Amino acid sequence: MAKGILMVAFDFSNAHEDEFHDWYDLEHVPERQRVPGFGACERWIGATNPKIAAASYDLDTIGVLQSAPYRAIGGENLSVWSKRVTAMCKRLLRFEGEQILPGDQAAPRGAGGLLINAMNVAPEHEAEFNEWYSNEHIPALAAVPGTLCARRFRSSVEGSHRYLALYHLASPDVPSTQAWKSAAASPWTDKLRPHFRDHLRILTGAYKRAK
């Protein structure tokens, strides 16, 4: 079965920073690491705005999010601490989906950055959009020096975005290189760009807990 992903991003400007990180590090992520079927559980901080936080959770399959161990800690069963902290934050993204490219590749270890691209596309252009993304765009960006992994996902639930692309990077500087810009630009890209909808782009660096 296809690998799954749970991707979440918050603007925590209105939360207490120390408590936000303590909640994530000491309760929220450890809870999920104990759920069977969860793989890499990684945290990320906005490269230009340190009040943006993201978390990526690799899943054996998307069905893990329907399992009893996950339901025991998610949704209506979120802890009191989770409900209090998230009430102070603005959720930018929650994406649940299946990996559609490439195969069952998992997140690499030790990435210094993560570029998150979530979007919808005009329905009449969706077939060409997928052809472009899978056959040109992802392969071109995957070949850029500093790109450690490039993956695509399709949402499995009704949500704000149908498609997600994740690029694990050696550092958040990779998308500003000429190699990346050249790889991202093409006539096919220019043709499809007007048909993108609800595009959310978040560039992050690897989170490191303050000592």
Protein backbone atom coordinates (compact mmCIF):
# COMPACT_ATOMS: atom_id res chain seq x y z
CA MET A 1 0.00 0.00 0.00
CA ALA A 2 1.04 3.63 -0.55
CA LYS A 3 2.91 5.47 2.14
CA GLY A 4 0.99 8.18 3.98
CA ILE A 5 1.75 11.63 5.33
CA LEU A 6 0.33 13.86 8.01
CA MET A 7 1.53 17.45 7.56
CA VAL A 8 0.59 20.25 9.94
CA ALA A 9 1.62 23.90 10.08
CA PHE A 10 0.82 26.63 12.59
CA ASP A 11 1.38 30.32 13.07
CA PHE A 12 2.01 30.43 16.82
CA SER A 13 2.54 34.20 17.11
CA ASN A 14 -0.18 34.47 19.76
CA ALA A 15 1.05 31.55 21.87
CA HIS A 16 3.76 31.53 24.52
CA GLU A 17 6.82 30.37 22.61
CA ASP A 18 8.39 28.34 25.43
CA GLU A 19 5.13 26.56 26.17
CA PHE A 20 4.43 25.91 22.48
CA HIS A 21 7.76 24.16 22.03
CA ASP A 22 7.47 22.30 25.35
CA TRP A 23 4.03 21.03 24.36
CA TYR A 24 5.25 19.85 20.96
CA ASP A 25 8.50 18.33 22.22
CA LEU A 26 7.37 16.82 25.51
CA GLU A 27 3.83 15.66 24.75
CA HIS A 28 2.54 15.99 21.19
CA VAL A 29 5.34 14.42 19.15
CA PRO A 30 6.15 11.68 21.71
CA GLU A 31 2.48 10.65 21.75
CA ARG A 32 2.56 10.14 17.99
CA GLN A 33 5.92 8.40 17.99
CA ARG A 34 4.35 5.71 20.16
CA VAL A 35 1.53 5.02 17.68
CA PRO A 36 2.21 1.92 15.53
CA GLY A 37 2.62 2.92 11.89
CA PHE A 38 4.17 6.33 12.50
CA GLY A 39 7.65 6.72 11.00
CA ALA A 40 9.74 9.89 10.97
CA CYS A 41 8.18 12.59 13.13
CA GLU A 42 9.97 15.84 12.38
CA ARG A 43 9.56 19.47 13.35
CA TRP A 44 10.40 22.52 11.24
CA ILE A 45 10.57 26.29 11.79
CA GLY A 46 9.88 28.99 9.19
CA ALA A 47 13.05 30.10 7.45
CA THR A 48 11.98 33.75 7.36
CA ASN A 49 9.35 33.78 10.12
CA PRO A 50 10.32 31.84 13.27
CA LYS A 51 6.72 32.03 14.47
CA ILE A 52 5.72 29.53 11.79
CA ALA A 53 6.06 25.90 12.87
CA ALA A 54 5.45 22.76 10.85
CA ALA A 55 5.48 19.07 11.68
CA SER A 56 5.72 16.18 9.22
CA TYR A 57 4.75 12.63 10.15
CA ASP A 58 5.58 9.77 7.77
CA LEU A 59 3.01 6.97 7.97
CA ASP A 60 3.20 3.34 6.90
CA THR A 61 -0.22 3.93 5.31
CA ILE A 62 -2.83 6.65 5.62
CA GLY A 63 -4.97 4.11 7.47
CA VAL A 64 -2.82 4.66 10.56
CA LEU A 65 -4.89 7.81 11.20
CA GLN A 66 -8.00 5.62 11.55
CA SER A 67 -6.38 3.19 13.97
CA ALA A 68 -7.49 2.88 17.57
CA PRO A 69 -4.10 3.98 19.01
CA TYR A 70 -4.18 7.19 16.97
CA ARG A 71 -7.86 7.91 17.63
CA ALA A 72 -7.10 7.60 21.35
CA ILE A 73 -4.87 10.70 21.17
CA GLY A 74 -6.28 12.61 18.18
CA GLY A 75 -9.44 14.47 17.24
CA GLU A 76 -11.87 14.73 20.12
CA ASN A 77 -9.38 12.91 22.34
CA LEU A 78 -6.68 15.56 22.13
CA SER A 79 -5.21 16.30 25.54
CA VAL A 80 -6.21 19.34 27.56
CA TRP A 81 -2.75 20.79 26.92
CA SER A 82 -3.13 20.26 23.16
CA LYS A 83 -6.51 21.95 23.08
CA ARG A 84 -5.26 24.92 25.11
CA VAL A 85 -2.11 25.53 23.07
CA THR A 86 -3.68 25.04 19.65
CA ALA A 87 -6.50 27.42 20.57
CA MET A 88 -3.86 30.16 20.71
CA CYS A 89 -2.45 29.28 17.28
CA LYS A 90 -3.61 29.81 13.71
CA ARG A 91 -3.58 26.58 11.79
CA LEU A 92 -2.17 27.12 8.31
CA LEU A 93 -2.35 23.55 7.07
CA ARG A 94 -3.47 20.09 8.01
CA PHE A 95 -2.95 17.62 5.21
CA GLU A 96 -3.59 13.88 5.28
CA GLY A 97 -2.71 12.02 2.12
CA GLU A 98 -1.13 9.16 0.22
CA GLN A 99 2.23 9.31 -1.49
CA ILE A 100 1.90 9.28 -5.26
CA LEU A 101 5.55 9.91 -6.18
CA PRO A 102 8.15 8.43 -6.02
CA GLY A 103 7.07 4.97 -4.93
CA ASP A 104 7.39 4.30 -1.21
CA GLN A 105 10.40 6.55 -0.55
CA ALA A 106 10.58 7.71 3.07
CA ALA A 107 11.86 10.99 4.44
CA PRO A 108 15.67 11.16 4.56
CA ARG A 109 17.47 11.59 7.84
CA GLY A 110 19.26 14.78 8.77
CA ALA A 111 17.67 17.25 6.34
CA GLY A 112 18.45 20.88 7.11
CA GLY A 113 15.31 22.24 5.50
CA LEU A 114 11.88 21.38 4.16
CA LEU A 115 9.94 23.17 1.44
CA ILE A 116 6.19 22.64 1.68
CA ASN A 117 4.00 23.31 -1.35
CA ALA A 118 0.27 22.67 -1.00
CA MET A 119 -2.22 23.58 -3.69
CA ASN A 120 -5.33 22.87 -5.66
CA VAL A 121 -5.71 23.09 -9.41
CA ALA A 122 -8.58 24.03 -11.69
CA PRO A 123 -10.42 20.73 -12.34
CA GLU A 124 -10.26 21.01 -16.11
CA HIS A 125 -6.46 21.16 -15.92
CA GLU A 126 -5.91 18.50 -13.25
CA ALA A 127 -4.82 15.71 -15.59
CA GLU A 128 -2.18 17.88 -17.26
CA PHE A 129 -1.15 19.29 -13.88
CA ASN A 130 -0.37 15.78 -12.62
CA GLU A 131 1.48 14.90 -15.80
CA TRP A 132 3.61 18.05 -15.50
CA TYR A 133 4.30 17.58 -11.80
CA SER A 134 5.24 13.93 -12.05
CA ASN A 135 7.11 13.92 -15.34
CA GLU A 136 8.85 17.30 -15.36
CA HIS A 137 8.66 19.33 -12.18
CA ILE A 138 9.50 16.80 -9.46
CA PRO A 139 12.30 15.11 -11.47
CA ALA A 140 13.87 18.49 -12.27
CA LEU A 141 13.84 19.71 -8.65
CA ALA A 142 14.94 16.32 -7.32
CA ALA A 143 18.10 16.65 -9.42
CA VAL A 144 19.08 20.06 -7.99
CA PRO A 145 22.19 19.92 -5.78
CA GLY A 146 21.04 20.06 -2.17
CA THR A 147 17.67 18.39 -2.78
CA LEU A 148 17.72 15.24 -0.67
CA CYS A 149 14.23 14.00 -1.48
CA ALA A 150 11.22 15.21 -3.51
CA ARG A 151 7.81 13.62 -2.96
CA ARG A 152 4.19 14.20 -3.96
CA PHE A 153 1.01 13.38 -2.07
CA ARG A 154 -2.72 13.43 -2.82
CA SER A 155 -5.22 14.17 -0.07
CA SER A 156 -7.30 11.28 1.18
CA VAL A 157 -9.87 13.44 2.99
CA GLU A 158 -11.90 16.55 2.29
CA GLY A 159 -9.60 19.42 3.22
CA SER A 160 -8.17 22.75 2.16
CA HIS A 161 -5.66 21.30 -0.33
CA ARG A 162 -5.78 18.27 -2.64
CA TYR A 163 -2.06 18.10 -3.45
CA LEU A 164 1.12 18.42 -1.43
CA ALA A 165 4.77 18.39 -2.50
CA LEU A 166 7.54 18.05 0.09
CA TYR A 167 11.20 18.75 -0.65
CA HIS A 168 13.73 17.73 1.96
CA LEU A 169 16.77 19.96 1.54
CA ALA A 170 20.35 20.16 2.72
CA SER A 171 19.49 23.69 3.90
CA PRO A 172 16.70 26.27 3.43
CA ASP A 173 19.03 28.13 1.04
CA VAL A 174 18.61 25.57 -1.75
CA PRO A 175 15.47 27.15 -3.34
CA SER A 176 17.29 30.47 -3.71
CA THR A 177 20.10 28.93 -5.81
CA GLN A 178 20.27 29.48 -9.53
CA ALA A 179 20.14 25.73 -10.10
CA TRP A 180 16.77 25.52 -8.34
CA LYS A 181 15.36 28.56 -10.12
CA SER A 182 16.42 27.18 -13.48
CA ALA A 183 14.91 23.77 -12.72
CA ALA A 184 11.62 25.32 -11.58
CA ALA A 185 11.22 27.46 -14.71
CA SER A 186 9.90 26.03 -17.95
CA PRO A 187 7.29 26.83 -20.61
CA TRP A 188 5.11 24.03 -19.25
CA THR A 189 5.29 25.55 -15.76
CA ASP A 190 4.32 28.97 -17.11
CA LYS A 191 1.39 27.43 -18.95
CA LEU A 192 -0.04 25.73 -15.86
CA ARG A 193 0.72 28.32 -13.18
CA PRO A 194 -2.43 30.41 -13.87
CA HIS A 195 -4.51 27.36 -13.03
CA PHE A 196 -3.04 26.82 -9.55
CA ARG A 197 -5.47 27.51 -6.72
CA ASP A 198 -4.98 28.12 -2.96
CA HIS A 199 -1.20 27.81 -3.26
CA LEU A 200 0.51 27.63 0.14
CA ARG A 201 4.32 27.71 0.16
CA ILE A 202 6.24 27.39 3.44
CA LEU A 203 10.03 27.24 3.50
CA THR A 204 11.43 25.92 6.77
CA GLY A 205 14.60 24.93 8.50
CA ALA A 206 15.08 21.95 10.78
CA TYR A 207 13.88 22.65 14.32
CA LYS A 208 16.44 22.38 17.09
CA ARG A 209 15.33 22.54 20.67
CA ALA A 210 16.97 25.31 22.67
CA LYS A 211 19.25 24.05 25.43
